[in-house]
Amino acid sequence: MAVPVFLLPLASTIGNALKLPAIATFIGGLAAQIMGWFAVRMSKGLAWNLTVLTMVIGLTLTVAFSINVLIAGLSYVVPPYVSSGFSMFVPSNAVPCLSAIFSARVIRWVWEWQFWAINRVS
């Protein structure tokens, strides 16, 4: 079947008009790939930061609980005057402070000496 002659100018006009959506599709796809790459990098960094934060909080709570248990266990063994003597110069927030200090030291050790192993495994 032959193409009528009056459709040829219309076909070239449609061809020129369809070039712009192809370019827009290409640029849009390229932008989506770049944004996806940045999103993956940001989400990996966010996952690392959330993991470290969760470890810090968990370790601090665990150490605080273990210090409380140790102090409660020692209070049954020591004489009452030693317990009252300690309560005169040890502040009430000593356990959270000591657990935060101990946790920070452990996390620093892990970060300095074991980070390469964690990084290699992941």
N, C-alpha and C. Protein backbone atom coordinates (compact mmCIF):
# COMPACT_ATOMS: atom_id res chain seq x y z
N MET A 1 0.84 -1.15 0.00
CA MET A 1 0.00 0.00 0.00
C MET A 1 0.89 1.23 0.00
N ALA A 2 0.65 2.11 -0.85
CA ALA A 2 1.46 3.31 -1.03
C ALA A 2 1.01 4.39 -0.05
N VAL A 3 1.98 5.17 0.40
CA VAL A 3 1.70 6.27 1.32
C VAL A 3 1.30 7.47 0.49
N PRO A 4 0.19 8.07 0.83
CA PRO A 4 -0.20 9.26 0.08
C PRO A 4 0.83 10.38 0.26
N VAL A 5 1.01 11.17 -0.76
CA VAL A 5 2.03 12.20 -0.78
C VAL A 5 1.75 13.29 0.25
N PHE A 6 0.52 13.60 0.51
CA PHE A 6 0.21 14.69 1.45
C PHE A 6 0.55 14.31 2.90
N LEU A 7 0.82 13.04 3.21
CA LEU A 7 1.19 12.63 4.56
C LEU A 7 2.69 12.77 4.85
N LEU A 8 3.54 12.94 3.79
CA LEU A 8 4.98 13.05 4.01
C LEU A 8 5.37 14.27 4.84
N PRO A 9 4.88 15.49 4.57
CA PRO A 9 5.24 16.62 5.44
C PRO A 9 4.72 16.42 6.87
N LEU A 10 3.60 15.80 6.99
CA LEU A 10 3.04 15.54 8.32
C LEU A 10 3.91 14.52 9.06
N ALA A 11 4.43 13.52 8.38
CA ALA A 11 5.29 12.52 9.00
C ALA A 11 6.60 13.13 9.47
N SER A 12 7.20 14.03 8.68
CA SER A 12 8.45 14.66 9.12
C SER A 12 8.21 15.60 10.30
N THR A 13 7.08 16.27 10.34
CA THR A 13 6.75 17.15 11.47
C THR A 13 6.56 16.32 12.74
N ILE A 14 5.92 15.18 12.64
CA ILE A 14 5.72 14.31 13.80
C ILE A 14 7.06 13.76 14.27
N GLY A 15 7.95 13.42 13.31
CA GLY A 15 9.28 12.93 13.67
C GLY A 15 10.08 13.97 14.43
N ASN A 16 10.03 15.24 13.99
CA ASN A 16 10.74 16.30 14.69
C ASN A 16 10.13 16.55 16.07
N ALA A 17 8.84 16.44 16.18
CA ALA A 17 8.18 16.67 17.46
C ALA A 17 8.50 15.56 18.45
N LEU A 18 8.71 14.35 17.94
CA LEU A 18 9.01 13.23 18.84
C LEU A 18 10.46 13.22 19.32
N LYS A 19 11.35 14.03 18.76
CA LYS A 19 12.73 14.09 19.23
C LYS A 19 12.80 14.70 20.62
N LEU A 20 12.00 15.70 20.88
CA LEU A 20 12.04 16.37 22.18
C LEU A 20 11.63 15.44 23.32
N PRO A 21 10.57 14.65 23.22
CA PRO A 21 10.27 13.72 24.31
C PRO A 21 11.35 12.67 24.52
N ALA A 22 12.04 12.27 23.49
CA ALA A 22 13.12 11.28 23.64
C ALA A 22 14.27 11.89 24.44
N ILE A 23 14.61 13.14 24.15
CA ILE A 23 15.67 13.81 24.91
C ILE A 23 15.25 14.02 26.36
N ALA A 24 14.00 14.43 26.55
CA ALA A 24 13.50 14.64 27.91
C ALA A 24 13.48 13.32 28.68
N THR A 25 13.13 12.24 28.04
CA THR A 25 13.13 10.93 28.68
C THR A 25 14.56 10.52 29.06
N PHE A 26 15.50 10.78 28.17
CA PHE A 26 16.89 10.45 28.46
C PHE A 26 17.42 11.27 29.63
N ILE A 27 17.19 12.57 29.62
CA ILE A 27 17.66 13.43 30.71
C ILE A 27 16.97 13.07 32.02
N GLY A 28 15.68 12.79 31.96
CA GLY A 28 14.96 12.38 33.17
C GLY A 28 15.49 11.06 33.73
N GLY A 29 15.77 10.11 32.87
CA GLY A 29 16.32 8.83 33.31
C GLY A 29 17.71 8.99 33.90
N LEU A 30 18.52 9.85 33.29
CA LEU A 30 19.86 10.12 33.80
C LEU A 30 19.79 10.78 35.18
N ALA A 31 18.90 11.75 35.33
CA ALA A 31 18.73 12.42 36.63
C ALA A 31 18.24 11.43 37.68
N ALA A 32 17.35 10.53 37.30
CA ALA A 32 16.85 9.53 38.25
C ALA A 32 17.96 8.58 38.68
N GLN A 33 18.84 8.20 37.75
CA GLN A 33 19.96 7.33 38.10
C GLN A 33 20.93 8.02 39.06
N ILE A 34 21.21 9.29 38.81
CA ILE A 34 22.12 10.04 39.67
C ILE A 34 21.50 10.21 41.06
N MET A 35 20.22 10.56 41.11
CA MET A 35 19.56 10.72 42.41
C MET A 35 19.48 9.39 43.15
N GLY A 36 19.28 8.30 42.44
CA GLY A 36 19.27 6.98 43.07
C GLY A 36 20.63 6.61 43.64
N TRP A 37 21.69 6.95 42.92
CA TRP A 37 23.04 6.68 43.42
C TRP A 37 23.32 7.47 44.69
N PHE A 38 22.94 8.75 44.71
CA PHE A 38 23.13 9.55 45.92
C PHE A 38 22.27 9.03 47.07
N ALA A 39 21.07 8.59 46.77
CA ALA A 39 20.19 8.06 47.82
C ALA A 39 20.77 6.80 48.44
N VAL A 40 21.36 5.94 47.62
CA VAL A 40 21.98 4.72 48.14
C VAL A 40 23.16 5.06 49.03
N ARG A 41 23.99 6.02 48.60
CA ARG A 41 25.14 6.42 49.42
C ARG A 41 24.69 7.04 50.74
N MET A 42 23.67 7.89 50.69
CA MET A 42 23.18 8.53 51.91
C MET A 42 22.54 7.51 52.84
N SER A 43 21.82 6.56 52.29
CA SER A 43 21.16 5.56 53.14
C SER A 43 22.19 4.63 53.79
N LYS A 44 23.28 4.34 53.10
CA LYS A 44 24.34 3.54 53.71
C LYS A 44 24.96 4.29 54.88
N GLY A 45 25.25 5.56 54.68
CA GLY A 45 25.81 6.37 55.77
C GLY A 45 24.84 6.50 56.93
N LEU A 46 23.58 6.68 56.62
CA LEU A 46 22.56 6.76 57.67
C LEU A 46 22.44 5.44 58.41
N ALA A 47 22.52 4.34 57.70
CA ALA A 47 22.45 3.03 58.36
C ALA A 47 23.63 2.83 59.29
N TRP A 48 24.83 3.22 58.85
CA TRP A 48 26.01 3.11 59.73
C TRP A 48 25.83 3.96 60.97
N ASN A 49 25.39 5.21 60.79
CA ASN A 49 25.23 6.09 61.95
C ASN A 49 24.17 5.57 62.91
N LEU A 50 23.07 5.06 62.39
CA LEU A 50 22.03 4.51 63.27
C LEU A 50 22.52 3.25 63.98
N THR A 51 23.32 2.45 63.31
CA THR A 51 23.88 1.25 63.95
C THR A 51 24.80 1.63 65.09
N VAL A 52 25.67 2.60 64.86
CA VAL A 52 26.59 3.05 65.92
C VAL A 52 25.81 3.66 67.07
N LEU A 53 24.81 4.46 66.76
CA LEU A 53 23.99 5.08 67.81
C LEU A 53 23.26 4.02 68.63
N THR A 54 22.72 3.01 67.97
CA THR A 54 22.04 1.93 68.68
C THR A 54 23.02 1.16 69.56
N MET A 55 24.22 0.93 69.06
CA MET A 55 25.23 0.24 69.87
C MET A 55 25.62 1.06 71.09
N VAL A 56 25.77 2.37 70.92
CA VAL A 56 26.14 3.24 72.04
C VAL A 56 25.05 3.22 73.11
N ILE A 57 23.82 3.37 72.70
CA ILE A 57 22.71 3.39 73.66
C ILE A 57 22.57 2.03 74.35
N GLY A 58 22.66 0.96 73.57
CA GLY A 58 22.55 -0.38 74.16
C GLY A 58 23.68 -0.69 75.13
N LEU A 59 24.89 -0.32 74.75
CA LEU A 59 26.02 -0.56 75.64
C LEU A 59 25.92 0.27 76.91
N THR A 60 25.50 1.52 76.77
CA THR A 60 25.35 2.38 77.95
C THR A 60 24.30 1.83 78.90
N LEU A 61 23.17 1.41 78.37
CA LEU A 61 22.12 0.85 79.23
C LEU A 61 22.56 -0.45 79.88
N THR A 62 23.28 -1.28 79.13
CA THR A 62 23.76 -2.54 79.69
C THR A 62 24.76 -2.30 80.82
N VAL A 63 25.68 -1.38 80.61
CA VAL A 63 26.67 -1.08 81.63
C VAL A 63 26.00 -0.45 82.85
N ALA A 64 25.04 0.45 82.64
CA ALA A 64 24.34 1.06 83.77
C ALA A 64 23.59 0.00 84.57
N PHE A 65 22.95 -0.92 83.89
CA PHE A 65 22.24 -1.99 84.58
C PHE A 65 23.21 -2.88 85.35
N SER A 66 24.35 -3.23 84.73
CA SER A 66 25.30 -4.10 85.42
C SER A 66 25.93 -3.40 86.62
N ILE A 67 26.21 -2.10 86.52
CA ILE A 67 26.74 -1.37 87.67
C ILE A 67 25.70 -1.31 88.79
N ASN A 68 24.45 -1.09 88.44
CA ASN A 68 23.38 -1.09 89.46
C ASN A 68 23.29 -2.45 90.14
N VAL A 69 23.38 -3.51 89.37
CA VAL A 69 23.29 -4.85 89.94
C VAL A 69 24.49 -5.12 90.85
N LEU A 70 25.68 -4.71 90.42
CA LEU A 70 26.87 -4.90 91.26
C LEU A 70 26.76 -4.12 92.57
N ILE A 71 26.30 -2.89 92.48
CA ILE A 71 26.16 -2.08 93.70
C ILE A 71 25.08 -2.67 94.61
N ALA A 72 23.99 -3.12 94.04
CA ALA A 72 22.94 -3.74 94.85
C ALA A 72 23.44 -5.02 95.49
N GLY A 73 24.24 -5.78 94.78
CA GLY A 73 24.80 -7.01 95.35
C GLY A 73 25.81 -6.72 96.44
N LEU A 74 26.61 -5.69 96.28
CA LEU A 74 27.58 -5.33 97.30
C LEU A 74 26.91 -4.75 98.55
N SER A 75 25.77 -4.14 98.38
CA SER A 75 25.10 -3.54 99.53
C SER A 75 24.64 -4.61 100.54
N TYR A 76 24.46 -5.84 100.09
CA TYR A 76 24.09 -6.92 101.01
C TYR A 76 25.30 -7.47 101.75
N VAL A 77 26.50 -7.29 101.18
CA VAL A 77 27.70 -7.88 101.75
C VAL A 77 28.41 -6.92 102.71
N VAL A 78 28.49 -5.64 102.33
CA VAL A 78 29.24 -4.67 103.15
C VAL A 78 28.42 -4.27 104.38
N PRO A 79 29.10 -3.84 105.42
CA PRO A 79 28.38 -3.37 106.60
C PRO A 79 27.58 -2.11 106.30
N PRO A 80 26.54 -1.83 107.07
CA PRO A 80 25.69 -0.68 106.78
C PRO A 80 26.42 0.66 106.87
N TYR A 81 27.43 0.79 107.74
CA TYR A 81 28.12 2.07 107.86
C TYR A 81 28.96 2.38 106.62
N VAL A 82 29.44 1.36 105.92
CA VAL A 82 30.18 1.61 104.68
C VAL A 82 29.21 2.10 103.60
N SER A 83 28.04 1.51 103.55
CA SER A 83 27.03 1.93 102.59
C SER A 83 26.61 3.37 102.84
N SER A 84 26.38 3.74 104.08
CA SER A 84 25.99 5.12 104.38
C SER A 84 27.16 6.08 104.16
N GLY A 85 28.38 5.62 104.37
CA GLY A 85 29.55 6.46 104.10
C GLY A 85 29.72 6.75 102.62
N PHE A 86 29.52 5.74 101.78
CA PHE A 86 29.59 5.96 100.33
C PHE A 86 28.50 6.91 99.87
N SER A 87 27.33 6.82 100.45
CA SER A 87 26.23 7.68 100.01
C SER A 87 26.47 9.14 100.35
N MET A 88 27.44 9.42 101.23
CA MET A 88 27.73 10.82 101.59
C MET A 88 28.59 11.52 100.54
N PHE A 89 29.44 10.79 99.81
CA PHE A 89 30.28 11.48 98.84
C PHE A 89 30.10 10.99 97.40
N VAL A 90 29.30 9.97 97.16
CA VAL A 90 29.00 9.52 95.81
C VAL A 90 27.67 10.15 95.39
N PRO A 91 27.64 10.90 94.28
CA PRO A 91 26.39 11.55 93.87
C PRO A 91 25.35 10.54 93.40
N SER A 92 24.11 11.00 93.31
CA SER A 92 23.03 10.11 92.92
C SER A 92 23.08 9.72 91.44
N ASN A 93 23.72 10.55 90.64
CA ASN A 93 23.82 10.22 89.21
C ASN A 93 25.16 9.59 88.85
N ALA A 94 25.82 8.96 89.80
CA ALA A 94 27.13 8.36 89.55
C ALA A 94 27.04 7.18 88.59
N VAL A 95 26.02 6.36 88.73
CA VAL A 95 25.91 5.17 87.88
C VAL A 95 25.72 5.53 86.40
N PRO A 96 24.81 6.44 86.06
CA PRO A 96 24.72 6.80 84.63
C PRO A 96 26.00 7.45 84.10
N CYS A 97 26.64 8.27 84.92
CA CYS A 97 27.89 8.92 84.47
C CYS A 97 28.99 7.89 84.26
N LEU A 98 29.15 6.97 85.20
CA LEU A 98 30.19 5.95 85.05
C LEU A 98 29.91 5.03 83.86
N SER A 99 28.65 4.69 83.67
CA SER A 99 28.33 3.81 82.54
C SER A 99 28.54 4.52 81.21
N ALA A 100 28.25 5.81 81.14
CA ALA A 100 28.50 6.54 79.90
C ALA A 100 30.00 6.66 79.62
N ILE A 101 30.79 6.90 80.67
CA ILE A 101 32.24 6.99 80.49
C ILE A 101 32.81 5.64 80.05
N PHE A 102 32.39 4.57 80.70
CA PHE A 102 32.89 3.25 80.34
C PHE A 102 32.47 2.87 78.93
N SER A 103 31.22 3.15 78.58
CA SER A 103 30.74 2.83 77.23
C SER A 103 31.49 3.62 76.18
N ALA A 104 31.76 4.89 76.46
CA ALA A 104 32.51 5.71 75.50
C ALA A 104 33.91 5.16 75.30
N ARG A 105 34.53 4.70 76.36
CA ARG A 105 35.88 4.13 76.22
C ARG A 105 35.86 2.83 75.42
N VAL A 106 34.86 2.00 75.67
CA VAL A 106 34.77 0.74 74.92
C VAL A 106 34.49 1.01 73.45
N ILE A 107 33.60 1.94 73.18
CA ILE A 107 33.26 2.25 71.79
C ILE A 107 34.46 2.87 71.08
N ARG A 108 35.21 3.70 71.78
CA ARG A 108 36.41 4.27 71.17
C ARG A 108 37.41 3.17 70.85
N TRP A 109 37.56 2.22 71.75
CA TRP A 109 38.47 1.11 71.49
C TRP A 109 38.00 0.32 70.27
N VAL A 110 36.72 0.04 70.21
CA VAL A 110 36.18 -0.71 69.06
C VAL A 110 36.40 0.09 67.79
N TRP A 111 36.16 1.38 67.85
CA TRP A 111 36.29 2.21 66.65
C TRP A 111 37.75 2.26 66.19
N GLU A 112 38.69 2.39 67.14
CA GLU A 112 40.08 2.51 66.75
C GLU A 112 40.69 1.19 66.28
N TRP A 113 40.39 0.11 66.98
CA TRP A 113 41.09 -1.14 66.71
C TRP A 113 40.30 -2.14 65.88
N GLN A 114 39.01 -2.05 65.91
CA GLN A 114 38.21 -3.07 65.24
C GLN A 114 37.43 -2.53 64.04
N PHE A 115 37.53 -1.25 63.74
CA PHE A 115 36.74 -0.68 62.64
C PHE A 115 37.10 -1.32 61.31
N TRP A 116 38.36 -1.62 61.10
CA TRP A 116 38.76 -2.21 59.83
C TRP A 116 38.12 -3.57 59.63
N ALA A 117 37.96 -4.34 60.72
CA ALA A 117 37.32 -5.66 60.59
C ALA A 117 35.84 -5.51 60.30
N ILE A 118 35.20 -4.58 60.99
CA ILE A 118 33.77 -4.34 60.73
C ILE A 118 33.57 -3.87 59.30
N ASN A 119 34.44 -2.99 58.86
CA ASN A 119 34.33 -2.45 57.51
C ASN A 119 34.58 -3.53 56.46
N ARG A 120 35.49 -4.43 56.70
CA ARG A 120 35.79 -5.49 55.74
C ARG A 120 34.65 -6.52 55.67
N VAL A 121 34.07 -6.82 56.82
CA VAL A 121 32.99 -7.81 56.84
C VAL A 121 31.76 -7.29 56.11
N SER A 122 31.46 -6.01 56.32
CA SER A 122 30.27 -5.46 55.68
C SER A 122 30.59 -5.14 54.24
